[in-house]
PDB file of N, CA and C in Angstrom:
ATOM      1  N   UNK A   1     -94.070 110.463  16.988  1.00  0.00           N
ATOM      2  CA  UNK A   1     -93.713 109.386  15.443  1.00  0.00           C
ATOM      3  C   UNK A   1     -95.203 108.112  15.371  1.00  0.00           C
ATOM      4  N   UNK A   2     -95.954 108.245  16.641  1.00  0.00           N
ATOM      5  CA  UNK A   2     -96.834 107.562  16.383  1.00  0.00           C
ATOM      6  C   UNK A   2     -97.990 108.237  14.825  1.00  0.00           C
ATOM      7  N   UNK A   3     -97.913 109.514  14.984  1.00  0.00           N
ATOM      8  CA  UNK A   3     -98.347 110.238  13.558  1.00  0.00           C
ATOM      9  C   UNK A   3     -98.526 109.807  12.783  1.00  0.00           C
ATOM     10  N   UNK A   4     -97.115 109.980  12.577  1.00  0.00           N
ATOM     11  CA  UNK A   4     -96.257 109.907  10.871  1.00  0.00           C
ATOM     12  C   UNK A   4     -96.798 107.769  10.626  1.00  0.00           C
ATOM     13  N   UNK A   5     -96.968 107.532  12.212  1.00  0.00           N
ATOM     14  CA  UNK A   5     -97.221 105.952  11.428  1.00  0.00           C
ATOM     15  C   UNK A   5     -99.103 105.969  11.163  1.00  0.00           C
ATOM     16  N   UNK A   6     -99.799 106.772  11.253  1.00  0.00           N
ATOM     17  CA  UNK A   6    -101.112 106.371  11.138  1.00  0.00           C
ATOM     18  C   UNK A   6    -100.953 107.410   9.826  1.00  0.00           C
ATOM     19  N   UNK A   7    -100.613 108.279   9.448  1.00  0.00           N
ATOM     20  CA  UNK A   7    -100.423 109.119   8.558  1.00  0.00           C
ATOM     21  C   UNK A   7    -100.373 108.523   7.020  1.00  0.00           C
ATOM     22  N   UNK A   8     -99.430 107.760   7.175  1.00  0.00           N
ATOM     23  CA  UNK A   8     -98.462 106.231   6.688  1.00  0.00           C
ATOM     24  C   UNK A   8     -99.543 106.027   6.606  1.00  0.00           C
ATOM     25  N   UNK A   9    -100.219 104.589   7.180  1.00  0.00           N
ATOM     26  CA  UNK A   9    -101.046 103.884   7.351  1.00  0.00           C
ATOM     27  C   UNK A   9    -102.250 104.094   6.012  1.00  0.00           C
ATOM     28  N   UNK A  10    -102.504 105.645   6.313  1.00  0.00           N
ATOM     29  CA  UNK A  10    -104.197 106.144   5.136  1.00  0.00           C
ATOM     30  C   UNK A  10    -103.093 106.286   4.161  1.00  0.00           C
ATOM     31  N   UNK A  11    -101.981 106.734   4.021  1.00  0.00           N
ATOM     32  CA  UNK A  11    -101.479 106.991   2.605  1.00  0.00           C
ATOM     33  C   UNK A  11    -101.957 105.530   1.997  1.00  0.00           C
ATOM     34  N   UNK A  12    -101.333 104.932   2.685  1.00  0.00           N
ATOM     35  CA  UNK A  12    -100.822 103.219   1.378  1.00  0.00           C
ATOM     36  C   UNK A  12    -103.032 102.712   2.149  1.00  0.00           C
ATOM     37  N   UNK A  13    -103.171 102.936   2.775  1.00  0.00           N
ATOM     38  CA  UNK A  13    -104.443 102.664   2.140  1.00  0.00           C
ATOM     39  C   UNK A  13    -105.472 103.057   0.800  1.00  0.00           C
ATOM     40  N   UNK A  14    -105.032 104.761   1.074  1.00  0.00           N
ATOM     41  CA  UNK A  14    -105.294 105.575  -0.118  1.00  0.00           C
ATOM     42  C   UNK A  14    -104.942 105.068  -1.379  1.00  0.00           C
ATOM     43  N   UNK A  15    -103.649 104.905  -1.217  1.00  0.00           N
ATOM     44  CA  UNK A  15    -103.072 104.528  -2.685  1.00  0.00           C
ATOM     45  C   UNK A  15    -103.675 103.112  -3.571  1.00  0.00           C
ATOM     46  N   UNK A  16    -104.120 102.026  -2.530  1.00  0.00           N
ATOM     47  CA  UNK A  16    -104.304 101.461  -2.383  1.00  0.00           C
ATOM     48  C   UNK A  16    -105.779 100.924  -3.207  1.00  0.00           C
ATOM     49  N   UNK A  17    -106.884 102.150  -2.709  1.00  0.00           N
ATOM     50  CA  UNK A  17    -107.857 101.933  -3.007  1.00  0.00           C
ATOM     51  C   UNK A  17    -107.913 102.691  -4.371  1.00  0.00           C
ATOM     52  N   UNK A  18    -107.487 103.033  -4.482  1.00  0.00           N
ATOM     53  CA  UNK A  18    -107.287 104.319  -6.236  1.00  0.00           C
ATOM     54  C   UNK A  18    -106.507 103.157  -6.713  1.00  0.00           C
ATOM     55  N   UNK A  19    -105.443 102.656  -6.756  1.00  0.00           N
ATOM     56  CA  UNK A  19    -104.982 101.714  -7.725  1.00  0.00           C
ATOM     57  C   UNK A  19    -105.960 100.678  -8.196  1.00  0.00           C
ATOM     58  N   UNK A  20    -106.295  99.884  -7.090  1.00  0.00           N
ATOM     59  CA  UNK A  20    -106.944  98.782  -7.165  1.00  0.00           C
ATOM     60  C   UNK A  20    -108.544  98.985  -7.636  1.00  0.00           C
ATOM     61  N   UNK A  21    -108.915 100.200  -7.502  1.00  0.00           N
ATOM     62  CA  UNK A  21    -110.222 100.946  -7.607  1.00  0.00           C
ATOM     63  C   UNK A  21    -111.150  99.874  -6.759  1.00  0.00           C
ATOM     64  N   UNK A  22    -110.645  99.910  -5.912  1.00  0.00           N
ATOM     65  CA  UNK A  22    -112.250  99.331  -4.126  1.00  0.00           C
ATOM     66  C   UNK A  22    -111.977 100.334  -3.570  1.00  0.00           C
ATOM     67  N   UNK A  23    -112.982 101.547  -4.541  1.00  0.00           N
ATOM     68  CA  UNK A  23    -114.094 102.345  -3.713  1.00  0.00           C
ATOM     69  C   UNK A  23    -114.875 101.885  -3.064  1.00  0.00           C
ATOM     70  N   UNK A  24    -115.424 101.088  -2.597  1.00  0.00           N
ATOM     71  CA  UNK A  24    -116.430 100.312  -1.604  1.00  0.00           C
ATOM     72  C   UNK A  24    -115.702 100.487  -0.401  1.00  0.00           C
ATOM     73  N   UNK A  25    -114.037 100.190  -0.661  1.00  0.00           N
ATOM     74  CA  UNK A  25    -113.782  99.740   0.867  1.00  0.00           C
ATOM     75  C   UNK A  25    -113.816 101.193   2.036  1.00  0.00           C
ATOM     76  N   UNK A  26    -113.616 102.426   0.813  1.00  0.00           N
ATOM     77  CA  UNK A  26    -114.477 103.737   1.719  1.00  0.00           C
ATOM     78  C   UNK A  26    -115.346 103.992   2.405  1.00  0.00           C
ATOM     79  N   UNK A  27    -116.103 103.834   1.767  1.00  0.00           N
ATOM     80  CA  UNK A  27    -117.888 103.725   3.382  1.00  0.00           C
ATOM     81  C   UNK A  27    -117.304 103.311   4.852  1.00  0.00           C
ATOM     82  N   UNK A  28    -116.892 101.534   4.212  1.00  0.00           N
ATOM     83  CA  UNK A  28    -116.513 100.824   5.323  1.00  0.00           C
ATOM     84  C   UNK A  28    -115.850 100.734   6.390  1.00  0.00           C
ATOM     85  N   UNK A  29    -114.436 101.648   5.759  1.00  0.00           N
ATOM     86  CA  UNK A  29    -113.885 102.029   5.987  1.00  0.00           C
ATOM     87  C   UNK A  29    -113.975 103.681   7.509  1.00  0.00           C
ATOM     88  N   UNK A  30    -114.149 104.132   7.053  1.00  0.00           N
ATOM     89  CA  UNK A  30    -114.888 105.394   7.531  1.00  0.00           C
ATOM     90  C   UNK A  30    -115.736 105.283   8.335  1.00  0.00           C
ATOM     91  N   UNK A  31    -116.898 104.056   8.863  1.00  0.00           N
ATOM     92  CA  UNK A  31    -117.585 103.472   9.466  1.00  0.00           C
ATOM     93  C   UNK A  31    -117.629 102.950  11.005  1.00  0.00           C
ATOM     94  N   UNK A  32    -116.343 102.066  10.154  1.00  0.00           N
ATOM     95  CA  UNK A  32    -114.870 101.187  11.609  1.00  0.00           C
ATOM     96  C   UNK A  32    -114.574 102.449  12.072  1.00  0.00           C
ATOM     97  N   UNK A  33    -114.113 103.378  11.637  1.00  0.00           N
ATOM     98  CA  UNK A  33    -113.310 104.542  12.614  1.00  0.00           C
ATOM     99  C   UNK A  33    -114.056 105.570  13.503  1.00  0.00           C
ATOM    100  N   UNK A  34    -115.122 105.451  12.996  1.00  0.00           N
ATOM    101  CA  UNK A  34    -116.485 106.379  13.676  1.00  0.00           C
ATOM    102  C   UNK A  34    -117.101 105.743  14.672  1.00  0.00           C
ATOM    103  N   UNK A  35    -117.490 104.245  14.437  1.00  0.00           N
ATOM    104  CA  UNK A  35    -117.607 103.360  15.315  1.00  0.00           C
ATOM    105  C   UNK A  35    -116.232 103.884  16.330  1.00  0.00           C
ATOM    106  N   UNK A  36    -115.494 103.226  16.128  1.00  0.00           N
ATOM    107  CA  UNK A  36    -113.904 103.233  17.102  1.00  0.00           C
ATOM    108  C   UNK A  36    -113.237 104.568  17.408  1.00  0.00           C
ATOM    109  N   UNK A  37    -113.941 105.520  16.996  1.00  0.00           N
ATOM    110  CA  UNK A  37    -114.038 107.154  17.641  1.00  0.00           C
ATOM    111  C   UNK A  37    -114.761 107.116  18.726  1.00  0.00           C
ATOM    112  N   UNK A  38    -115.762 107.012  18.154  1.00  0.00           N
ATOM    113  CA  UNK A  38    -117.392 106.928  19.466  1.00  0.00           C
ATOM    114  C   UNK A  38    -116.946 106.078  20.298  1.00  0.00           C
ATOM    115  N   UNK A  39    -116.283 104.758  20.620  1.00  0.00           N
ATOM    116  CA  UNK A  39    -115.770 103.827  21.371  1.00  0.00           C
ATOM    117  C   UNK A  39    -115.186 104.609  22.661  1.00  0.00           C
ATOM    118  N   UNK A  40    -114.144 105.667  21.904  1.00  0.00           N
ATOM    119  CA  UNK A  40    -112.730 105.531  23.005  1.00  0.00           C
ATOM    120  C   UNK A  40    -112.793 107.055  23.452  1.00  0.00           C
ATOM    121  N   UNK A  41    -114.040 107.879  22.344  1.00  0.00           N
ATOM    122  CA  UNK A  41    -114.760 108.731  23.381  1.00  0.00           C
ATOM    123  C   UNK A  41    -115.191 108.569  24.304  1.00  0.00           C
ATOM    124  N   UNK A  42    -116.296 107.582  24.446  1.00  0.00           N
ATOM    125  CA  UNK A  42    -117.376 107.942  25.734  1.00  0.00           C
ATOM    126  C   UNK A  42    -117.123 106.777  26.607  1.00  0.00           C
ATOM    127  N   UNK A  43    -115.560 106.123  26.492  1.00  0.00           N
ATOM    128  CA  UNK A  43    -115.130 105.426  27.925  1.00  0.00           C
ATOM    129  C   UNK A  43    -114.971 105.732  28.971  1.00  0.00           C
ATOM    130  N   UNK A  44    -115.046 106.792  28.965  1.00  0.00           N
ATOM    131  CA  UNK A  44    -114.655 107.588  30.648  1.00  0.00           C
ATOM    132  C   UNK A  44    -114.793 108.706  30.077  1.00  0.00           C
ATOM    133  N   UNK A  45    -115.893 109.114  29.916  1.00  0.00           N
ATOM    134  CA  UNK A  45    -116.623 110.670  29.318  1.00  0.00           C
ATOM    135  C   UNK A  45    -118.452 110.809  30.278  1.00  0.00           C
ATOM    136  N   UNK A  46    -118.917 112.335  30.291  1.00  0.00           N
ATOM    137  CA  UNK A  46    -120.256 112.344  31.056  1.00  0.00           C
ATOM    138  C   UNK A  46    -121.256 111.901  30.150  1.00  0.00           C
ATOM    139  N   UNK A  47    -120.059 110.992  28.425  1.00  0.00           N
ATOM    140  CA  UNK A  47    -121.464 110.962  27.434  1.00  0.00           C
ATOM    141  C   UNK A  47    -122.172 109.305  27.476  1.00  0.00           C
ATOM    142  N   UNK A  48    -121.197 108.475  28.440  1.00  0.00           N
ATOM    143  CA  UNK A  48    -121.274 106.977  28.291  1.00  0.00           C
ATOM    144  C   UNK A  48    -122.550 106.634  28.172  1.00  0.00           C
ATOM    145  N   UNK A  49    -123.286 107.268  29.575  1.00  0.00           N
ATOM    146  CA  UNK A  49    -124.570 106.800  29.914  1.00  0.00           C
ATOM    147  C   UNK A  49    -125.996 107.534  28.367  1.00  0.00           C
ATOM    148  N   UNK A  50    -125.678 108.462  27.719  1.00  0.00           N
ATOM    149  CA  UNK A  50    -126.900 108.507  26.341  1.00  0.00           C
ATOM    150  C   UNK A  50    -126.186 107.530  25.567  1.00  0.00           C
ATOM    151  N   UNK A  51    -125.046 107.185  25.392  1.00  0.00           N
ATOM    152  CA  UNK A  51    -124.440 106.516  23.852  1.00  0.00           C
ATOM    153  C   UNK A  51    -125.538 105.621  24.101  1.00  0.00           C
ATOM    154  N   UNK A  52    -125.871 104.592  25.194  1.00  0.00           N
ATOM    155  CA  UNK A  52    -126.819 103.330  25.337  1.00  0.00           C
ATOM    156  C   UNK A  52    -127.686 103.489  24.692  1.00  0.00           C
ATOM    157  N   UNK A  53    -128.560 104.620  24.534  1.00  0.00           N
ATOM    158  CA  UNK A  53    -129.677 105.326  24.270  1.00  0.00           C
ATOM    159  C   UNK A  53    -129.266 105.030  22.915  1.00  0.00           C
ATOM    160  N   UNK A  54    -128.872 104.892  21.848  1.00  0.00           N
ATOM    161  CA  UNK A  54    -128.590 104.738  20.799  1.00  0.00           C
ATOM    162  C   UNK A  54    -128.488 103.139  20.113  1.00  0.00           C
ATOM    163  N   UNK A  55    -127.961 102.477  20.881  1.00  0.00           N
ATOM    164  CA  UNK A  55    -128.377 100.833  20.827  1.00  0.00           C
ATOM    165  C   UNK A  55    -129.267 100.873  21.544  1.00  0.00           C
TER     166      UNK A  55
END
């Protein structure tokens, strides 16, 4: 059920950007999603100490 919610959100965001011609939002959303994934991935893994050196 949660997966369909995420897909619905992505679909609505894509439709918004397509209809309103807000293509500049794409890279912003992508970077925010990548940072979010990085935070979740390094929360409790052995990679966490190495991510510190990136920033």
